[in-house]
Amino acid sequence: MKNIDLKSFVPVGASAALLGRLFAVLTVLLVLNVIPSWAKSDSCGNATLKGDYGFAISGFQTNSDGTTSPVKGVGITHFDGAGNLTQRDFVVDAGVPNRADGDPQTGFHFSTDETGTYTVNADCTGSAEIDFNVPVPSGSTGVIKLMLVVTNGGRAIHTVVAEITPPGATRPILNTTSSDGWKIEPELDQD
């Protein structure tokens, strides 16, 4: 491999001041090329999430007896682009579908009527609150509070449950559930 002598690229008789200016110009050009791509990453807002997203849900939940059980599920969330959402999901806790998701005798189904709000910050982080809207005689109707990150230009969402209060509960329970979602886009017509 041939060694390159960097002195061959410097004009004969070039002063240190000239080399300093050349270095400064190259640095400015490099910075001007980097800034636009950096600025583009801070371009999120509520409108970044608009449409339907399919989610895979996974984690663990602490039970009333102190043991933990695995949580698995799938869901579809519709974001309206203005900070409101609706969701339907099917979640299994310790191998048993949630009460709202049916049972072998009556049949399984996706729970519906979940509504909520979301906020996406300029740096593509945010939060959401999903209300289960389950009628109960006392306690909460159920709520999930999420922290989220939007990636891939709004085509992917990654969430972690910050707090969950099941329907009928008077306080939140420990839960380490997270989810990853991808935008559901219709296939383009191919004529």
N, C-alpha and C. Protein backbone atom coordinates (compact mmCIF):
# COMPACT_ATOMS: atom_id res chain seq x y z
N MET A 1 0.85 -1.17 0.00
CA MET A 1 0.00 0.00 0.00
C MET A 1 0.89 1.23 0.00
N LYS A 2 0.58 2.17 -0.85
CA LYS A 2 1.39 3.37 -1.00
C LYS A 2 1.03 4.39 0.07
N ASN A 3 2.05 4.98 0.70
CA ASN A 3 1.83 6.05 1.68
C ASN A 3 1.60 7.36 0.96
N ILE A 4 0.66 8.14 1.46
CA ILE A 4 0.35 9.44 0.85
C ILE A 4 1.00 10.52 1.71
N ASP A 5 1.72 11.38 1.06
CA ASP A 5 2.36 12.49 1.75
C ASP A 5 1.40 13.69 1.70
N LEU A 6 0.84 14.05 2.87
CA LEU A 6 -0.13 15.15 2.92
C LEU A 6 0.48 16.48 2.49
N LYS A 7 1.81 16.60 2.58
CA LYS A 7 2.46 17.84 2.17
C LYS A 7 2.26 18.11 0.68
N SER A 8 2.01 17.04 -0.08
CA SER A 8 1.84 17.22 -1.52
C SER A 8 0.53 17.93 -1.84
N PHE A 9 -0.42 17.96 -0.90
CA PHE A 9 -1.69 18.62 -1.12
C PHE A 9 -1.67 20.10 -0.73
N VAL A 10 -0.63 20.53 -0.05
CA VAL A 10 -0.51 21.91 0.41
C VAL A 10 0.32 22.69 -0.62
N PRO A 11 -0.20 23.82 -1.10
CA PRO A 11 0.56 24.60 -2.07
C PRO A 11 1.92 25.02 -1.51
N VAL A 12 2.93 25.02 -2.36
CA VAL A 12 4.27 25.41 -1.95
C VAL A 12 4.23 26.85 -1.48
N GLY A 13 4.84 27.11 -0.34
CA GLY A 13 4.90 28.45 0.20
C GLY A 13 3.64 28.88 0.93
N ALA A 14 2.70 27.96 1.18
CA ALA A 14 1.47 28.32 1.90
C ALA A 14 1.80 28.66 3.34
N SER A 15 1.20 29.71 3.82
CA SER A 15 1.46 30.13 5.19
C SER A 15 0.55 29.39 6.16
N ALA A 16 0.90 29.43 7.42
CA ALA A 16 0.07 28.80 8.45
C ALA A 16 -1.29 29.48 8.50
N ALA A 17 -1.34 30.79 8.25
CA ALA A 17 -2.61 31.51 8.26
C ALA A 17 -3.52 31.02 7.14
N LEU A 18 -2.95 30.78 5.96
CA LEU A 18 -3.74 30.27 4.84
C LEU A 18 -4.28 28.88 5.16
N LEU A 19 -3.44 28.05 5.72
CA LEU A 19 -3.87 26.70 6.10
C LEU A 19 -4.96 26.76 7.17
N GLY A 20 -4.84 27.70 8.09
CA GLY A 20 -5.85 27.87 9.13
C GLY A 20 -7.19 28.28 8.53
N ARG A 21 -7.15 29.22 7.54
CA ARG A 21 -8.38 29.64 6.88
C ARG A 21 -9.01 28.50 6.09
N LEU A 22 -8.18 27.72 5.42
CA LEU A 22 -8.67 26.58 4.65
C LEU A 22 -9.34 25.57 5.59
N PHE A 23 -8.72 25.33 6.73
CA PHE A 23 -9.30 24.42 7.72
C PHE A 23 -10.63 24.97 8.24
N ALA A 24 -10.70 26.29 8.49
CA ALA A 24 -11.93 26.92 8.98
C ALA A 24 -13.04 26.80 7.95
N VAL A 25 -12.73 27.01 6.67
CA VAL A 25 -13.74 26.90 5.61
C VAL A 25 -14.25 25.47 5.52
N LEU A 26 -13.35 24.51 5.57
CA LEU A 26 -13.77 23.10 5.52
C LEU A 26 -14.65 22.75 6.71
N THR A 27 -14.31 23.26 7.88
CA THR A 27 -15.12 23.01 9.09
C THR A 27 -16.52 23.59 8.95
N VAL A 28 -16.61 24.83 8.45
CA VAL A 28 -17.92 25.46 8.25
C VAL A 28 -18.75 24.66 7.26
N LEU A 29 -18.15 24.22 6.16
CA LEU A 29 -18.88 23.44 5.18
C LEU A 29 -19.39 22.13 5.78
N LEU A 30 -18.56 21.50 6.59
CA LEU A 30 -18.98 20.27 7.24
C LEU A 30 -20.15 20.52 8.19
N VAL A 31 -20.08 21.57 8.99
CA VAL A 31 -21.15 21.91 9.92
C VAL A 31 -22.44 22.23 9.17
N LEU A 32 -22.35 22.97 8.07
CA LEU A 32 -23.54 23.31 7.30
C LEU A 32 -24.19 22.06 6.69
N ASN A 33 -23.42 21.05 6.40
CA ASN A 33 -23.97 19.80 5.90
C ASN A 33 -24.63 18.99 7.00
N VAL A 34 -24.14 19.07 8.22
CA VAL A 34 -24.66 18.28 9.34
C VAL A 34 -25.91 18.91 9.94
N ILE A 35 -25.97 20.22 10.04
CA ILE A 35 -27.08 20.89 10.70
C ILE A 35 -28.44 20.55 10.10
N PRO A 36 -28.63 20.55 8.79
CA PRO A 36 -29.96 20.24 8.26
C PRO A 36 -30.45 18.85 8.67
N SER A 37 -29.58 17.84 8.68
CA SER A 37 -30.04 16.50 9.09
C SER A 37 -30.33 16.46 10.58
N TRP A 38 -29.59 17.20 11.38
CA TRP A 38 -29.86 17.24 12.81
C TRP A 38 -31.17 17.97 13.07
N ALA A 39 -31.41 19.06 12.37
CA ALA A 39 -32.64 19.83 12.56
C ALA A 39 -33.87 19.02 12.17
N LYS A 40 -33.75 18.17 11.15
CA LYS A 40 -34.89 17.38 10.70
C LYS A 40 -35.36 16.41 11.78
N SER A 41 -34.44 15.93 12.66
CA SER A 41 -34.84 14.95 13.66
C SER A 41 -35.75 15.58 14.72
N ASP A 42 -35.72 16.89 14.86
CA ASP A 42 -36.61 17.57 15.81
C ASP A 42 -37.84 18.09 15.09
N SER A 43 -38.53 17.22 14.41
CA SER A 43 -39.66 17.67 13.62
C SER A 43 -40.95 16.93 13.96
N CYS A 44 -41.06 16.42 15.17
CA CYS A 44 -42.26 15.68 15.55
C CYS A 44 -43.28 16.58 16.23
N GLY A 45 -44.51 16.12 16.28
CA GLY A 45 -45.62 16.76 16.95
C GLY A 45 -46.79 15.80 16.94
N ASN A 46 -47.92 16.20 17.48
CA ASN A 46 -49.08 15.31 17.50
C ASN A 46 -49.46 14.82 16.10
N ALA A 47 -49.29 15.67 15.10
CA ALA A 47 -49.65 15.30 13.73
C ALA A 47 -48.75 14.21 13.16
N THR A 48 -47.59 13.96 13.79
CA THR A 48 -46.70 12.90 13.34
C THR A 48 -47.39 11.54 13.42
N LEU A 49 -48.26 11.38 14.44
CA LEU A 49 -49.01 10.13 14.58
C LEU A 49 -50.42 10.35 14.05
N LYS A 50 -50.68 9.79 12.90
CA LYS A 50 -52.01 9.90 12.31
C LYS A 50 -52.28 8.61 11.56
N GLY A 51 -53.39 7.96 11.90
CA GLY A 51 -53.75 6.71 11.26
C GLY A 51 -53.72 5.55 12.24
N ASP A 52 -53.74 4.33 11.69
CA ASP A 52 -53.78 3.12 12.50
C ASP A 52 -52.39 2.52 12.64
N TYR A 53 -52.09 2.04 13.85
CA TYR A 53 -50.82 1.41 14.17
C TYR A 53 -51.09 0.06 14.83
N GLY A 54 -50.40 -0.99 14.37
CA GLY A 54 -50.51 -2.31 14.98
C GLY A 54 -49.41 -2.48 16.01
N PHE A 55 -49.77 -2.98 17.21
CA PHE A 55 -48.82 -3.11 18.32
C PHE A 55 -48.64 -4.56 18.76
N ALA A 56 -47.42 -4.89 19.17
CA ALA A 56 -47.11 -6.13 19.87
C ALA A 56 -46.79 -5.73 21.30
N ILE A 57 -47.48 -6.34 22.28
CA ILE A 57 -47.38 -5.97 23.69
C ILE A 57 -46.71 -7.10 24.46
N SER A 58 -45.76 -6.77 25.34
CA SER A 58 -45.05 -7.80 26.08
C SER A 58 -44.53 -7.24 27.40
N GLY A 59 -44.58 -8.05 28.46
CA GLY A 59 -44.04 -7.61 29.73
C GLY A 59 -44.46 -8.49 30.88
N PHE A 60 -44.42 -7.92 32.09
CA PHE A 60 -44.79 -8.62 33.32
C PHE A 60 -45.63 -7.70 34.19
N GLN A 61 -46.54 -8.30 34.94
CA GLN A 61 -47.41 -7.55 35.83
C GLN A 61 -47.35 -8.19 37.22
N THR A 62 -47.32 -7.36 38.26
CA THR A 62 -47.33 -7.87 39.62
C THR A 62 -48.77 -8.14 40.05
N ASN A 63 -48.98 -9.34 40.58
CA ASN A 63 -50.31 -9.75 41.04
C ASN A 63 -50.55 -9.31 42.48
N SER A 64 -51.78 -9.41 42.95
CA SER A 64 -52.12 -8.98 44.32
C SER A 64 -51.37 -9.79 45.38
N ASP A 65 -50.95 -11.02 45.05
CA ASP A 65 -50.21 -11.84 46.02
C ASP A 65 -48.71 -11.61 45.97
N GLY A 66 -48.25 -10.66 45.15
CA GLY A 66 -46.84 -10.33 45.06
C GLY A 66 -46.08 -11.08 43.98
N THR A 67 -46.67 -12.09 43.39
CA THR A 67 -46.02 -12.80 42.29
C THR A 67 -46.16 -11.99 41.01
N THR A 68 -45.38 -12.34 40.01
CA THR A 68 -45.51 -11.67 38.72
C THR A 68 -46.00 -12.67 37.68
N SER A 69 -46.65 -12.14 36.68
CA SER A 69 -47.13 -12.99 35.59
C SER A 69 -46.83 -12.30 34.26
N PRO A 70 -46.57 -13.12 33.22
CA PRO A 70 -46.28 -12.52 31.91
C PRO A 70 -47.53 -11.92 31.28
N VAL A 71 -47.32 -10.85 30.56
CA VAL A 71 -48.40 -10.17 29.83
C VAL A 71 -48.01 -10.17 28.36
N LYS A 72 -48.91 -10.64 27.50
CA LYS A 72 -48.70 -10.64 26.05
C LYS A 72 -49.97 -10.11 25.40
N GLY A 73 -49.83 -9.43 24.29
CA GLY A 73 -51.02 -8.95 23.61
C GLY A 73 -50.72 -8.34 22.27
N VAL A 74 -51.80 -8.01 21.58
CA VAL A 74 -51.73 -7.30 20.31
C VAL A 74 -52.81 -6.24 20.34
N GLY A 75 -52.62 -5.19 19.58
CA GLY A 75 -53.62 -4.13 19.56
C GLY A 75 -53.49 -3.27 18.32
N ILE A 76 -54.56 -2.54 18.06
CA ILE A 76 -54.56 -1.53 16.99
C ILE A 76 -55.00 -0.22 17.63
N THR A 77 -54.18 0.80 17.46
CA THR A 77 -54.50 2.12 17.98
C THR A 77 -54.65 3.08 16.81
N HIS A 78 -55.72 3.87 16.86
CA HIS A 78 -55.94 4.91 15.85
C HIS A 78 -55.60 6.26 16.47
N PHE A 79 -54.64 6.97 15.87
CA PHE A 79 -54.26 8.31 16.28
C PHE A 79 -54.87 9.29 15.28
N ASP A 80 -55.52 10.35 15.80
CA ASP A 80 -56.20 11.29 14.90
C ASP A 80 -55.33 12.44 14.41
N GLY A 81 -54.07 12.51 14.85
CA GLY A 81 -53.18 13.59 14.44
C GLY A 81 -53.36 14.85 15.26
N ALA A 82 -54.33 14.86 16.19
CA ALA A 82 -54.61 16.06 17.00
C ALA A 82 -54.56 15.76 18.50
N GLY A 83 -54.02 14.60 18.90
CA GLY A 83 -53.87 14.29 20.32
C GLY A 83 -54.91 13.37 20.91
N ASN A 84 -55.78 12.76 20.08
CA ASN A 84 -56.80 11.82 20.57
C ASN A 84 -56.56 10.45 19.95
N LEU A 85 -56.92 9.40 20.72
CA LEU A 85 -56.73 8.05 20.22
C LEU A 85 -57.90 7.16 20.60
N THR A 86 -58.06 6.09 19.84
CA THR A 86 -58.96 4.99 20.18
C THR A 86 -58.16 3.71 20.01
N GLN A 87 -58.52 2.69 20.79
CA GLN A 87 -57.74 1.46 20.74
C GLN A 87 -58.63 0.25 20.94
N ARG A 88 -58.25 -0.85 20.29
CA ARG A 88 -58.84 -2.16 20.56
C ARG A 88 -57.67 -3.12 20.70
N ASP A 89 -57.76 -4.03 21.67
CA ASP A 89 -56.64 -4.93 21.92
C ASP A 89 -57.12 -6.27 22.46
N PHE A 90 -56.22 -7.23 22.43
CA PHE A 90 -56.44 -8.55 23.02
C PHE A 90 -55.20 -8.84 23.85
N VAL A 91 -55.38 -8.94 25.18
CA VAL A 91 -54.26 -9.10 26.10
C VAL A 91 -54.47 -10.35 26.95
N VAL A 92 -53.38 -11.10 27.12
CA VAL A 92 -53.39 -12.32 27.92
C VAL A 92 -52.45 -12.10 29.10
N ASP A 93 -52.94 -12.32 30.33
CA ASP A 93 -52.15 -12.17 31.55
C ASP A 93 -52.02 -13.54 32.19
N ALA A 94 -50.79 -14.04 32.30
CA ALA A 94 -50.51 -15.37 32.86
C ALA A 94 -51.27 -16.46 32.10
N GLY A 95 -51.39 -16.29 30.80
CA GLY A 95 -52.06 -17.28 29.97
C GLY A 95 -53.57 -17.19 29.94
N VAL A 96 -54.13 -16.20 30.64
CA VAL A 96 -55.58 -16.05 30.72
C VAL A 96 -55.97 -14.71 30.08
N PRO A 97 -56.89 -14.73 29.10
CA PRO A 97 -57.31 -13.46 28.50
C PRO A 97 -57.94 -12.54 29.55
N ASN A 98 -57.72 -11.24 29.39
CA ASN A 98 -58.37 -10.27 30.28
C ASN A 98 -59.88 -10.48 30.26
N ARG A 99 -60.55 -10.13 31.34
CA ARG A 99 -62.01 -10.34 31.44
C ARG A 99 -62.77 -9.77 30.25
N ALA A 100 -62.38 -8.61 29.80
CA ALA A 100 -63.09 -7.96 28.69
C ALA A 100 -62.88 -8.68 27.36
N ASP A 101 -61.88 -9.59 27.31
CA ASP A 101 -61.56 -10.26 26.06
C ASP A 101 -62.27 -11.60 25.89
N GLY A 102 -63.23 -11.91 26.75
CA GLY A 102 -64.02 -13.13 26.60
C GLY A 102 -63.40 -14.35 27.25
N ASP A 103 -64.00 -15.48 26.98
CA ASP A 103 -63.52 -16.75 27.52
C ASP A 103 -63.92 -17.88 26.58
N PRO A 104 -63.44 -19.12 26.83
CA PRO A 104 -63.73 -20.21 25.90
C PRO A 104 -65.23 -20.48 25.72
N GLN A 105 -66.05 -20.23 26.75
CA GLN A 105 -67.48 -20.49 26.63
C GLN A 105 -68.21 -19.43 25.79
N THR A 106 -67.86 -18.17 25.99
CA THR A 106 -68.56 -17.10 25.26
C THR A 106 -67.82 -16.66 24.01
N GLY A 107 -66.57 -17.08 23.88
CA GLY A 107 -65.76 -16.69 22.73
C GLY A 107 -64.81 -15.54 23.05
N PHE A 108 -63.72 -15.54 22.36
CA PHE A 108 -62.72 -14.49 22.55
C PHE A 108 -63.00 -13.35 21.58
N HIS A 109 -62.64 -12.15 21.98
CA HIS A 109 -62.80 -10.99 21.12
C HIS A 109 -61.86 -9.88 21.58
N PHE A 110 -61.66 -8.90 20.73
CA PHE A 110 -60.84 -7.74 21.10
C PHE A 110 -61.67 -6.83 21.99
N SER A 111 -61.04 -6.32 23.05
CA SER A 111 -61.73 -5.32 23.86
C SER A 111 -61.76 -4.03 23.04
N THR A 112 -62.85 -3.30 23.15
CA THR A 112 -63.02 -2.07 22.38
C THR A 112 -63.41 -0.94 23.33
N ASP A 113 -63.77 0.17 22.80
CA ASP A 113 -64.21 1.34 23.58
C ASP A 113 -63.10 1.98 24.39
N GLU A 114 -61.85 1.64 24.13
CA GLU A 114 -60.75 2.30 24.81
C GLU A 114 -60.47 3.61 24.09
N THR A 115 -60.38 4.69 24.84
CA THR A 115 -60.11 6.01 24.27
C THR A 115 -58.97 6.64 25.06
N GLY A 116 -58.47 7.74 24.57
CA GLY A 116 -57.42 8.42 25.31
C GLY A 116 -56.86 9.61 24.57
N THR A 117 -55.75 10.08 25.10
CA THR A 117 -55.07 11.24 24.55
C THR A 117 -53.58 10.94 24.44
N TYR A 118 -52.90 11.72 23.61
CA TYR A 118 -51.45 11.58 23.47
C TYR A 118 -50.83 12.93 23.17
N THR A 119 -49.55 13.03 23.50
CA THR A 119 -48.77 14.23 23.20
C THR A 119 -47.43 13.78 22.65
N VAL A 120 -47.04 14.32 21.48
CA VAL A 120 -45.72 14.05 20.91
C VAL A 120 -44.95 15.36 20.90
N ASN A 121 -43.79 15.35 21.53
CA ASN A 121 -42.94 16.54 21.62
C ASN A 121 -42.11 16.69 20.35
N ALA A 122 -41.50 17.87 20.17
CA ALA A 122 -40.69 18.15 18.99
C ALA A 122 -39.52 17.18 18.85
N ASP A 123 -39.00 16.66 19.97
CA ASP A 123 -37.87 15.72 19.91
C ASP A 123 -38.31 14.27 19.72
N CYS A 124 -39.57 14.05 19.40
CA CYS A 124 -40.16 12.74 19.09
C CYS A 124 -40.34 11.85 20.32
N THR A 125 -40.25 12.41 21.53
CA THR A 125 -40.65 11.71 22.75
C THR A 125 -42.08 12.15 23.07
N GLY A 126 -42.74 11.44 23.95
CA GLY A 126 -44.08 11.85 24.31
C GLY A 126 -44.71 10.97 25.35
N SER A 127 -46.02 11.13 25.51
CA SER A 127 -46.77 10.36 26.50
C SER A 127 -48.18 10.13 25.97
N ALA A 128 -48.84 9.14 26.57
CA ALA A 128 -50.22 8.85 26.19
C ALA A 128 -50.94 8.32 27.42
N GLU A 129 -52.24 8.46 27.39
CA GLU A 129 -53.10 7.90 28.45
C GLU A 129 -54.25 7.18 27.76
N ILE A 130 -54.41 5.90 28.10
CA ILE A 130 -55.48 5.08 27.52
C ILE A 130 -56.48 4.76 28.62
N ASP A 131 -57.73 5.14 28.41
CA ASP A 131 -58.80 4.87 29.37
C ASP A 131 -59.55 3.62 28.91
N PHE A 132 -59.64 2.61 29.82
CA PHE A 132 -60.33 1.37 29.50
C PHE A 132 -61.84 1.59 29.33
N ASN A 133 -62.38 2.58 30.08
CA ASN A 133 -63.81 2.88 30.03
C ASN A 133 -64.68 1.68 30.41
N VAL A 134 -64.22 0.88 31.37
CA VAL A 134 -64.97 -0.28 31.84
C VAL A 134 -65.85 0.16 33.01
N PRO A 135 -67.17 -0.04 32.94
CA PRO A 135 -68.03 0.35 34.06
C PRO A 135 -67.78 -0.55 35.26
N VAL A 136 -67.50 0.07 36.40
CA VAL A 136 -67.28 -0.68 37.65
C VAL A 136 -68.04 0.03 38.77
N PRO A 137 -68.48 -0.74 39.79
CA PRO A 137 -69.23 -0.12 40.88
C PRO A 137 -68.42 0.89 41.69
N SER A 138 -67.13 0.61 41.90
CA SER A 138 -66.29 1.56 42.65
C SER A 138 -64.87 1.45 42.12
N GLY A 139 -64.10 2.49 42.36
CA GLY A 139 -62.72 2.51 41.90
C GLY A 139 -62.62 3.07 40.49
N SER A 140 -61.44 2.91 39.90
CA SER A 140 -61.14 3.45 38.58
C SER A 140 -61.81 2.62 37.48
N THR A 141 -62.14 3.28 36.38
CA THR A 141 -62.63 2.55 35.20
C THR A 141 -61.45 1.97 34.42
N GLY A 142 -60.25 2.19 34.91
CA GLY A 142 -59.03 1.66 34.33
C GLY A 142 -58.32 2.66 33.45
N VAL A 143 -57.01 2.79 33.64
CA VAL A 143 -56.21 3.72 32.85
C VAL A 143 -54.78 3.20 32.74
N ILE A 144 -54.20 3.40 31.56
CA ILE A 144 -52.79 3.10 31.33
C ILE A 144 -52.11 4.41 30.96
N LYS A 145 -50.99 4.71 31.63
CA LYS A 145 -50.19 5.88 31.30
C LYS A 145 -48.89 5.38 30.67
N LEU A 146 -48.59 5.89 29.48
CA LEU A 146 -47.45 5.43 28.69
C LEU A 146 -46.45 6.56 28.45
N MET A 147 -45.19 6.19 28.34
CA MET A 147 -44.16 7.07 27.80
C MET A 147 -43.81 6.48 26.44
N LEU A 148 -43.54 7.33 25.46
CA LEU A 148 -43.34 6.82 24.11
C LEU A 148 -42.24 7.55 23.36
N VAL A 149 -41.75 6.88 22.32
CA VAL A 149 -40.79 7.46 21.39
C VAL A 149 -41.29 7.12 19.99
N VAL A 150 -41.32 8.13 19.13
CA VAL A 150 -41.75 7.95 17.74
C VAL A 150 -40.49 7.90 16.88
N THR A 151 -40.40 6.88 16.01
CA THR A 151 -39.23 6.74 15.15
C THR A 151 -39.66 6.55 13.70
N ASN A 152 -38.66 6.48 12.84
CA ASN A 152 -38.86 6.17 11.43
C ASN A 152 -39.87 7.12 10.77
N GLY A 153 -39.72 8.41 11.07
CA GLY A 153 -40.58 9.41 10.44
C GLY A 153 -42.05 9.27 10.79
N GLY A 154 -42.35 8.72 11.98
CA GLY A 154 -43.74 8.55 12.40
C GLY A 154 -44.34 7.21 12.00
N ARG A 155 -43.52 6.32 11.45
CA ARG A 155 -44.04 5.02 11.04
C ARG A 155 -43.88 3.96 12.13
N ALA A 156 -43.18 4.28 13.22
CA ALA A 156 -43.01 3.32 14.32
C ALA A 156 -43.11 4.04 15.66
N ILE A 157 -43.65 3.32 16.65
CA ILE A 157 -43.81 3.86 18.01
C ILE A 157 -43.32 2.79 18.98
N HIS A 158 -42.62 3.23 20.01
CA HIS A 158 -42.14 2.33 21.05
C HIS A 158 -42.64 2.90 22.38
N THR A 159 -43.32 2.06 23.18
CA THR A 159 -43.91 2.56 24.43
C THR A 159 -43.47 1.71 25.63
N VAL A 160 -43.53 2.32 26.79
CA VAL A 160 -43.33 1.65 28.07
C VAL A 160 -44.45 2.12 29.00
N VAL A 161 -45.06 1.18 29.72
CA VAL A 161 -46.10 1.55 30.68
C VAL A 161 -45.44 2.24 31.86
N ALA A 162 -45.83 3.48 32.11
CA ALA A 162 -45.33 4.22 33.27
C ALA A 162 -46.19 3.91 34.49
N GLU A 163 -47.48 3.67 34.25
CA GLU A 163 -48.41 3.39 35.36
C GLU A 163 -49.67 2.76 34.79
N ILE A 164 -50.20 1.76 35.50
CA ILE A 164 -51.46 1.15 35.09
C ILE A 164 -52.34 0.96 36.32
N THR A 165 -53.59 1.39 36.18
CA THR A 165 -54.60 1.18 37.22
C THR A 165 -55.71 0.34 36.57
N PRO A 166 -55.82 -0.94 36.94
CA PRO A 166 -56.85 -1.79 36.34
C PRO A 166 -58.26 -1.32 36.71
N PRO A 167 -59.25 -1.70 35.91
CA PRO A 167 -60.64 -1.34 36.25
C PRO A 167 -61.01 -1.85 37.65
N GLY A 168 -61.60 -0.98 38.44
CA GLY A 168 -62.01 -1.32 39.80
C GLY A 168 -60.95 -1.11 40.86
N ALA A 169 -59.70 -0.92 40.46
CA ALA A 169 -58.61 -0.71 41.43
C ALA A 169 -58.63 0.72 41.95
N THR A 170 -58.12 0.87 43.15
CA THR A 170 -58.07 2.21 43.73
C THR A 170 -56.68 2.83 43.62
N ARG A 171 -55.69 2.02 43.20
CA ARG A 171 -54.34 2.56 43.02
C ARG A 171 -53.62 1.77 41.93
N PRO A 172 -52.56 2.34 41.35
CA PRO A 172 -51.83 1.67 40.28
C PRO A 172 -51.13 0.40 40.78
N ILE A 173 -50.85 -0.52 39.86
CA ILE A 173 -50.07 -1.71 40.17
C ILE A 173 -48.76 -1.66 39.40
N LEU A 174 -47.77 -2.41 39.88
CA LEU A 174 -46.47 -2.47 39.21
C LEU A 174 -46.61 -3.26 37.93
N ASN A 175 -46.07 -2.72 36.85
CA ASN A 175 -46.19 -3.35 35.55
C ASN A 175 -44.98 -2.96 34.72
N THR A 176 -44.36 -3.93 34.06
CA THR A 176 -43.19 -3.65 33.22
C THR A 176 -43.48 -3.94 31.76
N THR A 177 -44.66 -3.61 31.31
CA THR A 177 -45.06 -3.91 29.95
C THR A 177 -44.57 -2.82 28.99
N SER A 178 -44.20 -3.26 27.81
CA SER A 178 -43.81 -2.33 26.75
C SER A 178 -44.46 -2.80 25.45
N SER A 179 -44.44 -1.95 24.45
CA SER A 179 -44.99 -2.33 23.16
C SER A 179 -44.24 -1.63 22.04
N ASP A 180 -44.29 -2.25 20.89
CA ASP A 180 -43.73 -1.69 19.68
C ASP A 180 -44.83 -1.71 18.63
N GLY A 181 -45.02 -0.57 17.95
CA GLY A 181 -46.08 -0.47 16.96
C GLY A 181 -45.57 0.07 15.65
N TRP A 182 -46.24 -0.37 14.57
CA TRP A 182 -45.89 0.05 13.23
C TRP A 182 -47.14 0.53 12.52
N LYS A 183 -46.97 1.56 11.72
CA LYS A 183 -48.10 2.12 11.00
C LYS A 183 -48.65 1.09 10.01
N ILE A 184 -49.98 0.97 10.00
CA ILE A 184 -50.66 0.09 9.07
C ILE A 184 -51.01 0.94 7.86
N GLU A 185 -50.35 0.70 6.77
CA GLU A 185 -50.58 1.50 5.58
C GLU A 185 -51.20 0.63 4.50
N PRO A 186 -52.18 1.17 3.79
CA PRO A 186 -52.77 0.37 2.70
C PRO A 186 -51.75 0.18 1.59
N GLU A 187 -51.85 -0.96 0.92
CA GLU A 187 -50.97 -1.20 -0.21
C GLU A 187 -51.33 -0.25 -1.35
N LEU A 188 -50.31 0.21 -2.02
CA LEU A 188 -50.55 1.10 -3.16
C LEU A 188 -51.10 0.29 -4.32
N ASP A 189 -52.06 0.86 -5.03
CA ASP A 189 -52.59 0.19 -6.21
C ASP A 189 -51.49 0.07 -7.26
N GLN A 190 -51.41 -1.08 -7.84
CA GLN A 190 -50.40 -1.30 -8.89
C GLN A 190 -51.13 -1.53 -10.20
N ASP A 191 -51.30 -0.48 -10.96
CA ASP A 191 -51.99 -0.57 -12.26
C ASP A 191 -51.00 -0.76 -13.38
